[in-house]
Amino acid sequence: MFPDLLHCVCRAAIRLAACSLLVLFALTQASAQQDAQLYGRVRTDQGVALKSGGVVRLETEEHERVAEQPINTDGEFYFLHIPKKRYLLIVTAEGFETYQQALDLAEGPSQYNVNITLTPAGKTAQGKAAAPALSDAQAPKEARREYEKAEKALAARKLGEAREHLEKAVVQYPCYARAQTDLGMVYSQQQDYAKSEAALRKSLSCDPGYVDAYAELGQLLNAEKRFGEALPVLDQGARLSPAAWQFYYQMGVAQYGLKHYSAAESEYLKAESMSSNPPADLDVKLADVYLKQGAFDKAYAKMQEYLKAEPQGRFAPHVKEIIKQMQSSGVLAAGGGVK
């Protein structure tokens, strides 16, 4: 597919935009099948997000470093477009014990979520703590025990075992919002999307203030191309957690899906400004929006930003080719050039 797309002749501005967009779409779809995306949140043993000082490193089983990044102010991190294989996740922060977790990303879905609890230096780990949910204290002991078993299974990437324990937890207490949300995430990773949506909506009906459920449900609706339904869910999540850039990123995805390109641009730019370390693929998404709007100089600038951030990135050869096509077509203002 790529050779045909890359050698198409885009002489007019409109033809150029269509050709470039096809390349970007093809790249995104192909990459989604071959790559994995890892999202995570780091908290202290008190259930509070670690806001600074933490560094997350991803290594191969042979201890070769794959990527490293600081956590953001919400205690979150992400690794996008990583090969689907086995990894070691390492988290360090001053005053806390080093955290290590083996991850098997070779099988199953392309998107993974992990929750990490750091233990203060000198203390013994006492299990996972997480952001408060209203239903936590109301859940009976048996339900909480099943949830704890599920968390251990999730850490070991045993989705089937985790699903079994989470299902038992919500049978014991259907309004266990945290368990319903994690169960929805497991269902989604097993591609059981109808059950995933039901669990996430149950979580929100029980605890309308539990932010994690909004993030998971909004992302699920976007993946199913139900963009109009995703927007109000994501908007409410952003109201509850206005510093979480991921909500604006997903709202950009939804607006783009609805062909509201100006609104998509606004959301993507907001996500970019709010993240301490925005993903490079945001540049590609913004370039795509600008091509749709015929704003070729802006698209060109974003492509150059992507190349600066990831000069050897997966999209780099194709982005360079699109830039050459833009140059030769004459759609750029005078002075634009391939860098």
C-alpha atoms as a PDB file:
ATOM      1  CA  MET A   1       0.000   0.000   0.000  1.00  0.00           C
ATOM      2  CA  PHE A   2       2.703   2.501   0.996  1.00  0.00           C
ATOM      3  CA  PRO A   3       4.653   2.579  -2.310  1.00  0.00           C
ATOM      4  CA  ASP A   4       1.514   3.414  -4.289  1.00  0.00           C
ATOM      5  CA  LEU A   5       0.572   6.151  -1.857  1.00  0.00           C
ATOM      6  CA  LEU A   6       4.035   7.596  -1.582  1.00  0.00           C
ATOM      7  CA  HIS A   7       4.522   7.820  -5.347  1.00  0.00           C
ATOM      8  CA  CYS A   8       1.190   9.420  -6.116  1.00  0.00           C
ATOM      9  CA  VAL A   9       1.564  12.806  -7.767  1.00  0.00           C
ATOM     10  CA  CYS A  10      -0.040  15.547  -5.687  1.00  0.00           C
ATOM     11  CA  ARG A  11       0.160  18.530  -8.009  1.00  0.00           C
ATOM     12  CA  ALA A  12      -2.732  20.590  -6.694  1.00  0.00           C
ATOM     13  CA  ALA A  13      -3.202  21.611  -3.083  1.00  0.00           C
ATOM     14  CA  ILE A  14      -6.365  19.591  -2.568  1.00  0.00           C
ATOM     15  CA  ARG A  15      -4.840  16.534  -4.199  1.00  0.00           C
ATOM     16  CA  LEU A  16      -1.766  16.914  -2.015  1.00  0.00           C
ATOM     17  CA  ALA A  17      -3.848  17.015   1.159  1.00  0.00           C
ATOM     18  CA  ALA A  18      -5.795  13.903   0.201  1.00  0.00           C
ATOM     19  CA  CYS A  19      -2.622  11.995  -0.696  1.00  0.00           C
ATOM     20  CA  SER A  20      -0.828  12.960   2.514  1.00  0.00           C
ATOM     21  CA  LEU A  21      -3.800  12.105   4.680  1.00  0.00           C
ATOM     22  CA  LEU A  22      -4.082   8.668   3.120  1.00  0.00           C
ATOM     23  CA  VAL A  23      -0.468   8.033   4.014  1.00  0.00           C
ATOM     24  CA  LEU A  24      -0.985   9.173   7.593  1.00  0.00           C
ATOM     25  CA  PHE A  25      -4.143   7.097   7.987  1.00  0.00           C
ATOM     26  CA  ALA A  26      -2.444   4.007   6.573  1.00  0.00           C
ATOM     27  CA  LEU A  27       0.512   4.510   8.890  1.00  0.00           C
ATOM     28  CA  THR A  28      -1.701   4.887  11.929  1.00  0.00           C
ATOM     29  CA  GLN A  29      -3.740   1.778  11.141  1.00  0.00           C
ATOM     30  CA  ALA A  30      -0.697  -0.378  10.360  1.00  0.00           C
ATOM     31  CA  SER A  31       1.145   0.841  13.446  1.00  0.00           C
ATOM     32  CA  ALA A  32      -1.834   0.097  15.697  1.00  0.00           C
ATOM     33  CA  GLN A  33      -1.709  -3.559  14.649  1.00  0.00           C
ATOM     34  CA  GLN A  34       2.043  -3.966  15.215  1.00  0.00           C
ATOM     35  CA  ASP A  35       2.678  -1.725  18.218  1.00  0.00           C
ATOM     36  CA  ALA A  36       1.608  -1.522  21.825  1.00  0.00           C
ATOM     37  CA  GLN A  37       0.708   1.501  23.919  1.00  0.00           C
ATOM     38  CA  LEU A  38       1.394   1.503  27.636  1.00  0.00           C
ATOM     39  CA  TYR A  39      -0.315   3.958  29.984  1.00  0.00           C
ATOM     40  CA  GLY A  40       0.243   4.077  33.705  1.00  0.00           C
ATOM     41  CA  ARG A  41      -0.319   5.989  36.915  1.00  0.00           C
ATOM     42  CA  VAL A  42       2.050   6.187  39.871  1.00  0.00           C
ATOM     43  CA  ARG A  43       0.766   6.731  43.408  1.00  0.00           C
ATOM     44  CA  THR A  44       2.207   6.715  46.892  1.00  0.00           C
ATOM     45  CA  ASP A  45       1.129   4.183  49.501  1.00  0.00           C
ATOM     46  CA  GLN A  46      -1.335   6.832  50.725  1.00  0.00           C
ATOM     47  CA  GLY A  47      -3.212   6.711  47.429  1.00  0.00           C
ATOM     48  CA  VAL A  48      -1.970  10.142  46.306  1.00  0.00           C
ATOM     49  CA  ALA A  49      -0.587  10.732  42.822  1.00  0.00           C
ATOM     50  CA  LEU A  50       3.175  11.222  42.802  1.00  0.00           C
ATOM     51  CA  LYS A  51       3.351  14.699  41.283  1.00  0.00           C
ATOM     52  CA  SER A  52       7.076  15.061  40.654  1.00  0.00           C
ATOM     53  CA  GLY A  53      10.450  13.401  40.944  1.00  0.00           C
ATOM     54  CA  GLY A  54       9.478  10.046  39.511  1.00  0.00           C
ATOM     55  CA  VAL A  55      11.153   8.493  36.475  1.00  0.00           C
ATOM     56  CA  VAL A  56       9.764   5.523  34.552  1.00  0.00           C
ATOM     57  CA  ARG A  57      12.053   3.313  32.478  1.00  0.00           C
ATOM     58  CA  LEU A  58      11.161   0.515  30.100  1.00  0.00           C
ATOM     59  CA  GLU A  59      13.773  -2.209  29.494  1.00  0.00           C
ATOM     60  CA  THR A  60      13.925  -5.430  27.512  1.00  0.00           C
ATOM     61  CA  GLU A  61      14.347  -8.747  29.270  1.00  0.00           C
ATOM     62  CA  GLU A  62      18.073  -8.380  28.515  1.00  0.00           C
ATOM     63  CA  HIS A  63      18.016  -5.058  30.441  1.00  0.00           C
ATOM     64  CA  GLU A  64      18.531  -2.889  27.374  1.00  0.00           C
ATOM     65  CA  ARG A  65      16.833   0.475  27.812  1.00  0.00           C
ATOM     66  CA  VAL A  66      13.927   1.042  25.418  1.00  0.00           C
ATOM     67  CA  ALA A  67      12.559   4.348  26.690  1.00  0.00           C
ATOM     68  CA  GLU A  68      12.543   6.578  29.746  1.00  0.00           C
ATOM     69  CA  GLN A  69      10.422   9.525  30.834  1.00  0.00           C
ATOM     70  CA  PRO A  70       9.452  11.483  33.940  1.00  0.00           C
ATOM     71  CA  ILE A  71       5.939  11.175  35.276  1.00  0.00           C
ATOM     72  CA  ASN A  72       3.678  14.199  34.766  1.00  0.00           C
ATOM     73  CA  THR A  73       2.009  16.258  37.491  1.00  0.00           C
ATOM     74  CA  ASP A  74      -0.891  13.789  37.651  1.00  0.00           C
ATOM     75  CA  GLY A  75       1.479  10.903  38.311  1.00  0.00           C
ATOM     76  CA  GLU A  76       0.923   9.536  34.818  1.00  0.00           C
ATOM     77  CA  PHE A  77       3.211   8.239  32.089  1.00  0.00           C
ATOM     78  CA  TYR A  78       2.832   6.659  28.665  1.00  0.00           C
ATOM     79  CA  PHE A  79       4.891   4.845  26.073  1.00  0.00           C
ATOM     80  CA  LEU A  80       3.464   4.917  22.556  1.00  0.00           C
ATOM     81  CA  HIS A  81       4.366   2.840  19.493  1.00  0.00           C
ATOM     82  CA  ILE A  82       6.533   0.297  21.297  1.00  0.00           C
ATOM     83  CA  PRO A  83       7.061  -3.200  19.823  1.00  0.00           C
ATOM     84  CA  LYS A  84       4.811  -5.905  21.242  1.00  0.00           C
ATOM     85  CA  LYS A  85       7.211  -7.976  23.365  1.00  0.00           C
ATOM     86  CA  ARG A  86       8.211  -8.647  26.979  1.00  0.00           C
ATOM     87  CA  TYR A  87       9.508  -5.756  29.089  1.00  0.00           C
ATOM     88  CA  LEU A  88      10.648  -4.789  32.535  1.00  0.00           C
ATOM     89  CA  LEU A  89       9.021  -1.632  33.911  1.00  0.00           C
ATOM     90  CA  ILE A  90      11.133   0.233  36.485  1.00  0.00           C
ATOM     91  CA  VAL A  91       9.998   3.261  38.502  1.00  0.00           C
ATOM     92  CA  THR A  92      12.334   5.301  40.690  1.00  0.00           C
ATOM     93  CA  ALA A  93      11.605   8.290  42.916  1.00  0.00           C
ATOM     94  CA  GLU A  94      13.543   9.889  45.754  1.00  0.00           C
ATOM     95  CA  GLY A  95      12.342   8.631  49.118  1.00  0.00           C
ATOM     96  CA  PHE A  96      10.722   5.489  47.690  1.00  0.00           C
ATOM     97  CA  GLU A  97      11.781   1.939  47.044  1.00  0.00           C
ATOM     98  CA  THR A  98      12.541   1.136  43.393  1.00  0.00           C
ATOM     99  CA  TYR A  99       9.533  -0.497  41.760  1.00  0.00           C
ATOM    100  CA  GLN A 100       9.914  -3.251  39.152  1.00  0.00           C
ATOM    101  CA  GLN A 101       7.267  -5.129  37.197  1.00  0.00           C
ATOM    102  CA  ALA A 102       7.551  -7.651  34.386  1.00  0.00           C
ATOM    103  CA  LEU A 103       5.143  -6.935  31.524  1.00  0.00           C
ATOM    104  CA  ASP A 104       4.245  -9.323  28.732  1.00  0.00           C
ATOM    105  CA  LEU A 105       2.998  -7.118  25.894  1.00  0.00           C
ATOM    106  CA  ALA A 106       3.683  -9.736  23.231  1.00  0.00           C
ATOM    107  CA  GLU A 107       0.179 -11.178  23.246  1.00  0.00           C
ATOM    108  CA  GLY A 108      -3.308  -9.795  23.398  1.00  0.00           C
ATOM    109  CA  PRO A 109      -4.500  -6.211  22.950  1.00  0.00           C
ATOM    110  CA  SER A 110      -2.477  -3.243  21.757  1.00  0.00           C
ATOM    111  CA  GLN A 111      -3.234  -0.990  24.722  1.00  0.00           C
ATOM    112  CA  TYR A 112      -2.249  -1.680  28.310  1.00  0.00           C
ATOM    113  CA  ASN A 113      -2.916   0.199  31.541  1.00  0.00           C
ATOM    114  CA  VAL A 114      -0.950  -0.270  34.749  1.00  0.00           C
ATOM    115  CA  ASN A 115      -1.410   1.183  38.228  1.00  0.00           C
ATOM    116  CA  ILE A 116       1.719   1.477  40.352  1.00  0.00           C
ATOM    117  CA  THR A 117       2.022   2.063  44.083  1.00  0.00           C
ATOM    118  CA  LEU A 118       5.396   3.138  45.460  1.00  0.00           C
ATOM    119  CA  THR A 119       6.490   2.095  48.933  1.00  0.00           C
ATOM    120  CA  PRO A 120       8.401   4.659  51.037  1.00  0.00           C
ATOM    121  CA  ALA A 121      12.028   3.700  51.574  1.00  0.00           C
ATOM    122  CA  GLY A 122      12.393   1.518  54.647  1.00  0.00           C
ATOM    123  CA  LYS A 123       8.748   0.453  54.718  1.00  0.00           C
ATOM    124  CA  THR A 124       7.355  -2.929  53.754  1.00  0.00           C
ATOM    125  CA  ALA A 125       4.916  -2.972  50.875  1.00  0.00           C
ATOM    126  CA  GLN A 126       1.340  -3.294  52.128  1.00  0.00           C
ATOM    127  CA  GLY A 127      -0.472  -3.793  48.861  1.00  0.00           C
ATOM    128  CA  LYS A 128      -1.819  -1.446  46.257  1.00  0.00           C
ATOM    129  CA  ALA A 129      -3.413   1.832  47.226  1.00  0.00           C
ATOM    130  CA  ALA A 130      -5.253   3.952  44.713  1.00  0.00           C
ATOM    131  CA  ALA A 131      -7.267   7.115  44.308  1.00  0.00           C
ATOM    132  CA  PRO A 132     -10.356   7.085  46.515  1.00  0.00           C
ATOM    133  CA  ALA A 133     -13.716   5.923  45.217  1.00  0.00           C
ATOM    134  CA  LEU A 134     -16.886   6.531  47.226  1.00  0.00           C
ATOM    135  CA  SER A 135     -17.796   2.857  47.146  1.00  0.00           C
ATOM    136  CA  ASP A 136     -14.456   1.570  48.501  1.00  0.00           C
ATOM    137  CA  ALA A 137     -15.382   1.812  52.158  1.00  0.00           C
ATOM    138  CA  GLN A 138     -18.823   0.329  51.531  1.00  0.00           C
ATOM    139  CA  ALA A 139     -17.563  -2.794  49.768  1.00  0.00           C
ATOM    140  CA  PRO A 140     -17.758  -5.893  52.000  1.00  0.00           C
ATOM    141  CA  LYS A 141     -14.554  -7.663  53.011  1.00  0.00           C
ATOM    142  CA  GLU A 142     -15.086 -10.570  50.628  1.00  0.00           C
ATOM    143  CA  ALA A 143     -15.462  -8.191  47.674  1.00  0.00           C
ATOM    144  CA  ARG A 144     -12.297  -6.340  48.668  1.00  0.00           C
ATOM    145  CA  ARG A 145     -10.397  -9.624  48.968  1.00  0.00           C
ATOM    146  CA  GLU A 146     -11.458 -10.603  45.453  1.00  0.00           C
ATOM    147  CA  TYR A 147     -10.370  -7.195  44.190  1.00  0.00           C
ATOM    148  CA  GLU A 148      -6.948  -7.560  45.797  1.00  0.00           C
ATOM    149  CA  LYS A 149      -6.539 -10.964  44.121  1.00  0.00           C
ATOM    150  CA  ALA A 150      -7.528  -9.392  40.803  1.00  0.00           C
ATOM    151  CA  GLU A 151      -4.905  -6.663  41.207  1.00  0.00           C
ATOM    152  CA  LYS A 152      -2.192  -9.263  41.704  1.00  0.00           C
ATOM    153  CA  ALA A 153      -3.380 -11.102  38.610  1.00  0.00           C
ATOM    154  CA  LEU A 154      -3.382  -7.876  36.593  1.00  0.00           C
ATOM    155  CA  ALA A 155       0.170  -7.111  37.687  1.00  0.00           C
ATOM    156  CA  ALA A 156       1.157 -10.532  36.345  1.00  0.00           C
ATOM    157  CA  ARG A 157      -0.818  -9.895  33.111  1.00  0.00           C
ATOM    158  CA  LYS A 158      -3.141 -12.829  33.878  1.00  0.00           C
ATOM    159  CA  LEU A 159      -6.267 -11.287  32.400  1.00  0.00           C
ATOM    160  CA  GLY A 160      -8.437 -14.385  32.665  1.00  0.00           C
ATOM    161  CA  GLU A 161      -7.671 -14.805  36.349  1.00  0.00           C
ATOM    162  CA  ALA A 162      -8.171 -11.086  37.000  1.00  0.00           C
ATOM    163  CA  ARG A 163     -11.527 -11.167  35.216  1.00  0.00           C
ATOM    164  CA  GLU A 164     -12.686 -14.084  37.382  1.00  0.00           C
ATOM    165  CA  HIS A 165     -11.834 -12.293  40.638  1.00  0.00           C
ATOM    166  CA  LEU A 166     -13.315  -8.973  39.505  1.00  0.00           C
ATOM    167  CA  GLU A 167     -16.541 -10.656  38.457  1.00  0.00           C
ATOM    168  CA  LYS A 168     -16.754 -12.243  41.904  1.00  0.00           C
ATOM    169  CA  ALA A 169     -16.102  -8.853  43.519  1.00  0.00           C
ATOM    170  CA  VAL A 170     -18.966  -7.148  41.691  1.00  0.00           C
ATOM    171  CA  VAL A 171     -21.306 -10.055  42.397  1.00  0.00           C
ATOM    172  CA  GLN A 172     -20.552  -9.520  46.083  1.00  0.00           C
ATOM    173  CA  TYR A 173     -21.085  -5.768  45.712  1.00  0.00           C
ATOM    174  CA  PRO A 174     -22.422  -4.521  42.336  1.00  0.00           C
ATOM    175  CA  CYS A 175     -21.718  -0.876  43.177  1.00  0.00           C
ATOM    176  CA  TYR A 176     -18.000  -1.447  43.722  1.00  0.00           C
ATOM    177  CA  ALA A 177     -16.981   1.327  41.304  1.00  0.00           C
ATOM    178  CA  ARG A 178     -13.270   0.579  41.301  1.00  0.00           C
ATOM    179  CA  ALA A 179     -13.835  -3.109  40.600  1.00  0.00           C
ATOM    180  CA  GLN A 180     -16.397  -2.344  37.882  1.00  0.00           C
ATOM    181  CA  THR A 181     -13.937   0.035  36.193  1.00  0.00           C
ATOM    182  CA  ASP A 182     -11.075  -2.461  36.255  1.00  0.00           C
ATOM    183  CA  LEU A 183     -13.445  -5.158  35.038  1.00  0.00           C
ATOM    184  CA  GLY A 184     -14.465  -2.882  32.165  1.00  0.00           C
ATOM    185  CA  MET A 185     -10.794  -2.408  31.310  1.00  0.00           C
ATOM    186  CA  VAL A 186     -10.197  -6.180  31.311  1.00  0.00           C
ATOM    187  CA  TYR A 187     -13.268  -6.793  29.141  1.00  0.00           C
ATOM    188  CA  SER A 188     -11.993  -4.165  26.703  1.00  0.00           C
ATOM    189  CA  GLN A 189      -8.562  -5.763  26.511  1.00  0.00           C
ATOM    190  CA  GLN A 190     -10.265  -9.078  25.775  1.00  0.00           C
ATOM    191  CA  GLN A 191     -12.321  -7.304  23.068  1.00  0.00           C
ATOM    192  CA  ASP A 192     -15.608  -7.917  24.894  1.00  0.00           C
ATOM    193  CA  TYR A 193     -16.727  -4.352  24.281  1.00  0.00           C
ATOM    194  CA  ALA A 194     -20.413  -4.649  25.170  1.00  0.00           C
ATOM    195  CA  LYS A 195     -19.579  -5.998  28.633  1.00  0.00           C
ATOM    196  CA  SER A 196     -16.842  -3.399  28.997  1.00  0.00           C
ATOM    197  CA  GLU A 197     -19.273  -0.559  28.370  1.00  0.00           C
ATOM    198  CA  ALA A 198     -21.842  -2.037  30.756  1.00  0.00           C
ATOM    199  CA  ALA A 199     -19.297  -2.331  33.574  1.00  0.00           C
ATOM    200  CA  LEU A 200     -17.990   1.202  33.053  1.00  0.00           C
ATOM    201  CA  ARG A 201     -21.480   2.715  32.971  1.00  0.00           C
ATOM    202  CA  LYS A 202     -22.354   0.779  36.127  1.00  0.00           C
ATOM    203  CA  SER A 203     -19.262   2.249  37.787  1.00  0.00           C
ATOM    204  CA  LEU A 204     -20.338   5.780  36.885  1.00  0.00           C
ATOM    205  CA  SER A 205     -23.916   5.231  38.017  1.00  0.00           C
ATOM    206  CA  CYS A 206     -22.594   4.105  41.401  1.00  0.00           C
ATOM    207  CA  ASP A 207     -19.913   6.790  41.738  1.00  0.00           C
ATOM    208  CA  PRO A 208     -20.308   9.733  39.324  1.00  0.00           C
ATOM    209  CA  GLY A 209     -17.094  11.236  40.665  1.00  0.00           C
ATOM    210  CA  TYR A 210     -14.774   8.333  39.872  1.00  0.00           C
ATOM    211  CA  VAL A 211     -12.545   9.842  37.184  1.00  0.00           C
ATOM    212  CA  ASP A 212     -10.910   6.637  35.944  1.00  0.00           C
ATOM    213  CA  ALA A 213     -14.245   5.335  34.657  1.00  0.00           C
ATOM    214  CA  TYR A 214     -14.759   8.436  32.485  1.00  0.00           C
ATOM    215  CA  ALA A 215     -11.327   7.999  30.919  1.00  0.00           C
ATOM    216  CA  GLU A 216     -11.881   4.323  30.135  1.00  0.00           C
ATOM    217  CA  LEU A 217     -15.421   4.792  28.799  1.00  0.00           C
ATOM    218  CA  GLY A 218     -14.518   7.791  26.629  1.00  0.00           C
ATOM    219  CA  GLN A 219     -11.614   5.922  25.112  1.00  0.00           C
ATOM    220  CA  LEU A 220     -13.785   2.860  24.470  1.00  0.00           C
ATOM    221  CA  LEU A 221     -16.473   4.924  22.702  1.00  0.00           C
ATOM    222  CA  ASN A 222     -13.830   6.580  20.537  1.00  0.00           C
ATOM    223  CA  ALA A 223     -12.402   3.195  19.593  1.00  0.00           C
ATOM    224  CA  GLU A 224     -15.885   2.165  18.485  1.00  0.00           C
ATOM    225  CA  LYS A 225     -16.201   5.406  16.477  1.00  0.00           C
ATOM    226  CA  ARG A 226     -19.109   6.566  18.639  1.00  0.00           C
ATOM    227  CA  PHE A 227     -17.608  10.021  18.772  1.00  0.00           C
ATOM    228  CA  GLY A 228     -20.786  11.912  19.610  1.00  0.00           C
ATOM    229  CA  GLU A 229     -21.329   9.713  22.665  1.00  0.00           C
ATOM    230  CA  ALA A 230     -17.704   9.955  23.723  1.00  0.00           C
ATOM    231  CA  LEU A 231     -17.596  13.744  23.920  1.00  0.00           C
ATOM    232  CA  PRO A 232     -19.927  14.323  26.921  1.00  0.00           C
ATOM    233  CA  VAL A 233     -18.248  11.490  28.828  1.00  0.00           C
ATOM    234  CA  LEU A 234     -14.794  12.951  28.231  1.00  0.00           C
ATOM    235  CA  ASP A 235     -15.978  16.473  28.949  1.00  0.00           C
ATOM    236  CA  GLN A 236     -17.312  15.412  32.356  1.00  0.00           C
ATOM    237  CA  GLY A 237     -14.043  13.655  33.112  1.00  0.00           C
ATOM    238  CA  ALA A 238     -12.135  16.817  32.229  1.00  0.00           C
ATOM    239  CA  ARG A 239     -14.367  18.838  34.558  1.00  0.00           C
ATOM    240  CA  LEU A 240     -13.545  16.478  37.409  1.00  0.00           C
ATOM    241  CA  SER A 241      -9.830  16.311  36.561  1.00  0.00           C
ATOM    242  CA  PRO A 242      -9.014  19.468  34.579  1.00  0.00           C
ATOM    243  CA  ALA A 243      -5.247  18.863  34.712  1.00  0.00           C
ATOM    244  CA  ALA A 244      -5.452  15.461  32.969  1.00  0.00           C
ATOM    245  CA  TRP A 245      -4.313  16.126  29.403  1.00  0.00           C
ATOM    246  CA  GLN A 246      -5.524  12.709  28.196  1.00  0.00           C
ATOM    247  CA  PHE A 247      -9.142  13.873  28.326  1.00  0.00           C
ATOM    248  CA  TYR A 248      -8.398  16.702  25.888  1.00  0.00           C
ATOM    249  CA  TYR A 249      -6.411  14.357  23.665  1.00  0.00           C
ATOM    250  CA  GLN A 250      -9.357  11.968  23.453  1.00  0.00           C
ATOM    251  CA  MET A 251     -11.766  14.860  22.882  1.00  0.00           C
ATOM    252  CA  GLY A 252      -9.551  15.837  19.958  1.00  0.00           C
ATOM    253  CA  VAL A 253      -9.914  12.310  18.601  1.00  0.00           C
ATOM    254  CA  ALA A 254     -13.702  12.543  18.954  1.00  0.00           C
ATOM    255  CA  GLN A 255     -13.937  15.982  17.334  1.00  0.00           C
ATOM    256  CA  TYR A 256     -11.775  14.833  14.435  1.00  0.00           C
ATOM    257  CA  GLY A 257     -13.990  11.781  14.013  1.00  0.00           C
ATOM    258  CA  LEU A 258     -16.981  14.119  13.781  1.00  0.00           C
ATOM    259  CA  LYS A 259     -15.098  16.203  11.170  1.00  0.00           C
ATOM    260  CA  HIS A 260     -15.044  19.200  13.513  1.00  0.00           C
ATOM    261  CA  TYR A 261     -11.470  20.043  12.604  1.00  0.00           C
ATOM    262  CA  SER A 262     -11.214  23.422  14.333  1.00  0.00           C
ATOM    263  CA  ALA A 263     -12.509  21.890  17.553  1.00  0.00           C
ATOM    264  CA  ALA A 264     -10.097  18.968  17.176  1.00  0.00           C
ATOM    265  CA  GLU A 265      -7.225  21.411  16.746  1.00  0.00           C
ATOM    266  CA  SER A 266      -8.251  23.250  19.902  1.00  0.00           C
ATOM    267  CA  GLU A 267      -8.402  20.062  21.979  1.00  0.00           C
ATOM    268  CA  TYR A 268      -5.098  18.725  20.664  1.00  0.00           C
ATOM    269  CA  LEU A 269      -3.371  22.035  21.374  1.00  0.00           C
ATOM    270  CA  LYS A 270      -4.786  22.051  24.890  1.00  0.00           C
ATOM    271  CA  ALA A 271      -3.526  18.509  25.485  1.00  0.00           C
ATOM    272  CA  GLU A 272      -0.127  19.521  24.124  1.00  0.00           C
ATOM    273  CA  SER A 273       0.121  22.561  26.392  1.00  0.00           C
ATOM    274  CA  MET A 274      -0.947  20.680  29.526  1.00  0.00           C
ATOM    275  CA  SER A 275       1.403  17.719  29.240  1.00  0.00           C
ATOM    276  CA  SER A 276       4.919  18.109  30.609  1.00  0.00           C
ATOM    277  CA  ASN A 277       6.104  15.604  28.008  1.00  0.00           C
ATOM    278  CA  PRO A 278       3.538  15.430  25.178  1.00  0.00           C
ATOM    279  CA  PRO A 279       3.695  12.396  22.886  1.00  0.00           C
ATOM    280  CA  ALA A 280       5.252  13.045  19.500  1.00  0.00           C
ATOM    281  CA  ASP A 281       2.237  11.587  17.731  1.00  0.00           C
ATOM    282  CA  LEU A 282       0.340  14.715  18.775  1.00  0.00           C
ATOM    283  CA  ASP A 283       2.398  16.547  16.158  1.00  0.00           C
ATOM    284  CA  VAL A 284       1.264  14.038  13.543  1.00  0.00           C
ATOM    285  CA  LYS A 285      -2.383  14.398  14.587  1.00  0.00           C
ATOM    286  CA  LEU A 286      -2.174  18.187  14.440  1.00  0.00           C
ATOM    287  CA  ALA A 287      -0.486  17.989  11.046  1.00  0.00           C
ATOM    288  CA  ASP A 288      -3.365  15.821   9.891  1.00  0.00           C
ATOM    289  CA  VAL A 289      -5.886  18.403  11.135  1.00  0.00           C
ATOM    290  CA  TYR A 290      -4.046  21.238   9.394  1.00  0.00           C
ATOM    291  CA  LEU A 291      -3.954  19.280   6.134  1.00  0.00           C
ATOM    292  CA  LYS A 292      -7.714  18.851   6.376  1.00  0.00           C
ATOM    293  CA  GLN A 293      -8.020  22.612   6.824  1.00  0.00           C
ATOM    294  CA  GLY A 294      -5.630  23.358   3.962  1.00  0.00           C
ATOM    295  CA  ALA A 295      -3.240  25.045   6.405  1.00  0.00           C
ATOM    296  CA  PHE A 296      -0.155  23.581   4.761  1.00  0.00           C
ATOM    297  CA  ASP A 297       2.439  25.773   6.467  1.00  0.00           C
ATOM    298  CA  LYS A 298       1.097  24.778   9.883  1.00  0.00           C
ATOM    299  CA  ALA A 299       1.068  21.126   8.843  1.00  0.00           C
ATOM    300  CA  TYR A 300       4.637  21.455   7.625  1.00  0.00           C
ATOM    301  CA  ALA A 301       5.725  23.020  10.931  1.00  0.00           C
ATOM    302  CA  LYS A 302       4.144  20.213  12.957  1.00  0.00           C
ATOM    303  CA  MET A 303       5.796  17.590  10.797  1.00  0.00           C
ATOM    304  CA  GLN A 304       9.146  19.267  11.415  1.00  0.00           C
ATOM    305  CA  GLU A 305       8.433  19.242  15.158  1.00  0.00           C
ATOM    306  CA  TYR A 306       7.732  15.535  14.962  1.00  0.00           C
ATOM    307  CA  LEU A 307      11.023  14.924  13.150  1.00  0.00           C
ATOM    308  CA  LYS A 308      12.875  16.957  15.778  1.00  0.00           C
ATOM    309  CA  ALA A 309      11.310  14.933  18.604  1.00  0.00           C
ATOM    310  CA  GLU A 310      11.685  11.543  16.908  1.00  0.00           C
ATOM    311  CA  PRO A 311      14.232  11.840  14.068  1.00  0.00           C
ATOM    312  CA  GLN A 312      14.378   8.067  13.788  1.00  0.00           C
ATOM    313  CA  GLY A 313      10.733   7.534  14.696  1.00  0.00           C
ATOM    314  CA  ARG A 314       8.425   5.070  12.996  1.00  0.00           C
ATOM    315  CA  PHE A 315       6.685   7.827  11.017  1.00  0.00           C
ATOM    316  CA  ALA A 316       9.866   9.757  10.152  1.00  0.00           C
ATOM    317  CA  PRO A 317      10.584   8.370   6.641  1.00  0.00           C
ATOM    318  CA  HIS A 318       7.002   8.882   5.532  1.00  0.00           C
ATOM    319  CA  VAL A 319       6.711  12.334   7.070  1.00  0.00           C
ATOM    320  CA  LYS A 320       9.869  13.349   5.201  1.00  0.00           C
ATOM    321  CA  GLU A 321       8.350  12.076   1.967  1.00  0.00           C
ATOM    322  CA  ILE A 322       5.166  14.075   2.537  1.00  0.00           C
ATOM    323  CA  ILE A 323       7.254  17.177   3.202  1.00  0.00           C
ATOM    324  CA  LYS A 324       9.043  16.692  -0.125  1.00  0.00           C
ATOM    325  CA  GLN A 325       5.697  16.410  -1.886  1.00  0.00           C
ATOM    326  CA  MET A 326       4.561  19.643  -0.241  1.00  0.00           C
ATOM    327  CA  GLN A 327       7.756  21.360  -1.350  1.00  0.00           C
ATOM    328  CA  SER A 328       7.490  20.246  -4.948  1.00  0.00           C
ATOM    329  CA  SER A 329       3.802  21.143  -5.212  1.00  0.00           C
ATOM    330  CA  GLY A 330       4.416  24.772  -4.271  1.00  0.00           C
ATOM    331  CA  VAL A 331       1.720  24.911  -1.571  1.00  0.00           C
ATOM    332  CA  LEU A 332       4.142  26.223   1.086  1.00  0.00           C
ATOM    333  CA  ALA A 333       5.034  29.836   1.661  1.00  0.00           C
ATOM    334  CA  ALA A 334       8.385  30.947   0.259  1.00  0.00           C
ATOM    335  CA  GLY A 335      11.334  29.724   2.276  1.00  0.00           C
ATOM    336  CA  GLY A 336       9.935  26.338   3.342  1.00  0.00           C
ATOM    337  CA  GLY A 337      12.361  23.488   2.930  1.00  0.00           C
ATOM    338  CA  VAL A 338      13.115  19.933   3.895  1.00  0.00           C
ATOM    339  CA  LYS A 339      15.211  19.703   7.006  1.00  0.00           C
END
